[in-house]
Protein backbone atom coordinates (compact mmCIF):
# COMPACT_ATOMS: atom_id res chain seq x y z
CA MET A 1 36.75 -23.63 15.15
CA ASP A 2 34.24 -25.66 17.13
CA ASN A 3 34.13 -29.30 16.20
CA PRO A 4 30.53 -30.59 15.88
CA MET A 5 31.62 -33.95 17.26
CA ASN A 6 32.36 -32.32 20.64
CA ASN A 7 28.70 -31.32 21.02
CA LYS A 8 27.46 -34.94 21.07
CA GLY A 9 28.62 -35.45 24.64
CA LYS A 10 26.90 -32.26 25.78
CA LEU A 11 23.44 -33.25 24.55
CA PRO A 12 22.50 -35.45 27.56
CA ILE A 13 23.65 -32.74 29.97
CA ARG A 14 21.65 -30.09 28.14
CA ALA A 15 18.57 -32.34 28.05
CA ALA A 16 18.87 -33.05 31.78
CA CYS A 17 19.17 -29.34 32.56
CA LEU A 18 16.17 -28.54 30.39
CA LEU A 19 14.04 -31.24 32.03
CA THR A 20 15.09 -30.08 35.50
CA ALA A 21 14.22 -26.47 34.66
CA CYS A 22 10.81 -27.50 33.29
CA ALA A 23 10.13 -29.59 36.41
CA PHE A 24 10.91 -26.64 38.68
CA ILE A 25 8.73 -24.30 36.61
CA ILE A 26 5.80 -26.73 36.80
CA TYR A 27 6.38 -27.17 40.55
CA GLY A 28 6.33 -23.40 41.02
CA PHE A 29 3.08 -23.04 39.11
CA ALA A 30 1.54 -25.86 41.15
CA ARG A 31 2.43 -24.05 44.39
CA GLY A 32 0.94 -20.78 43.16
CA GLU A 33 4.26 -18.97 42.98
CA ALA A 34 3.33 -17.23 39.72
CA GLY A 35 0.76 -15.13 41.54
CA VAL A 36 3.21 -14.29 44.31
CA VAL A 37 5.85 -13.17 41.82
CA LEU A 38 3.33 -11.07 39.90
CA ASN A 39 2.12 -9.43 43.11
CA LYS A 40 5.67 -8.57 44.13
CA ALA A 41 6.43 -7.19 40.66
CA VAL A 42 3.37 -4.94 40.77
CA ASN A 43 4.30 -3.67 44.24
CA ILE A 44 7.87 -2.91 43.18
CA CYS A 45 6.69 -1.08 40.05
CA LEU A 46 4.18 0.99 41.98
CA GLU A 47 6.81 1.92 44.57
CA CYS A 48 9.31 2.97 41.89
CA ILE A 49 6.77 5.16 40.13
CA GLY A 50 5.66 6.59 43.45
CA LEU A 51 2.03 5.61 43.31
CA GLY A 52 2.18 3.03 46.11
């Protein structure tokens, strides 16, 4: 059984990982990477279907 007291030490690590992930997501949006990823996804889908 998992002891709830063991999770207290993990909270700062989880918070740091969450903040780091959010920072990288915001950085990616600021660089315009969302559009690049969407464009690549559309191209891959069109190639798989055979329309591209």
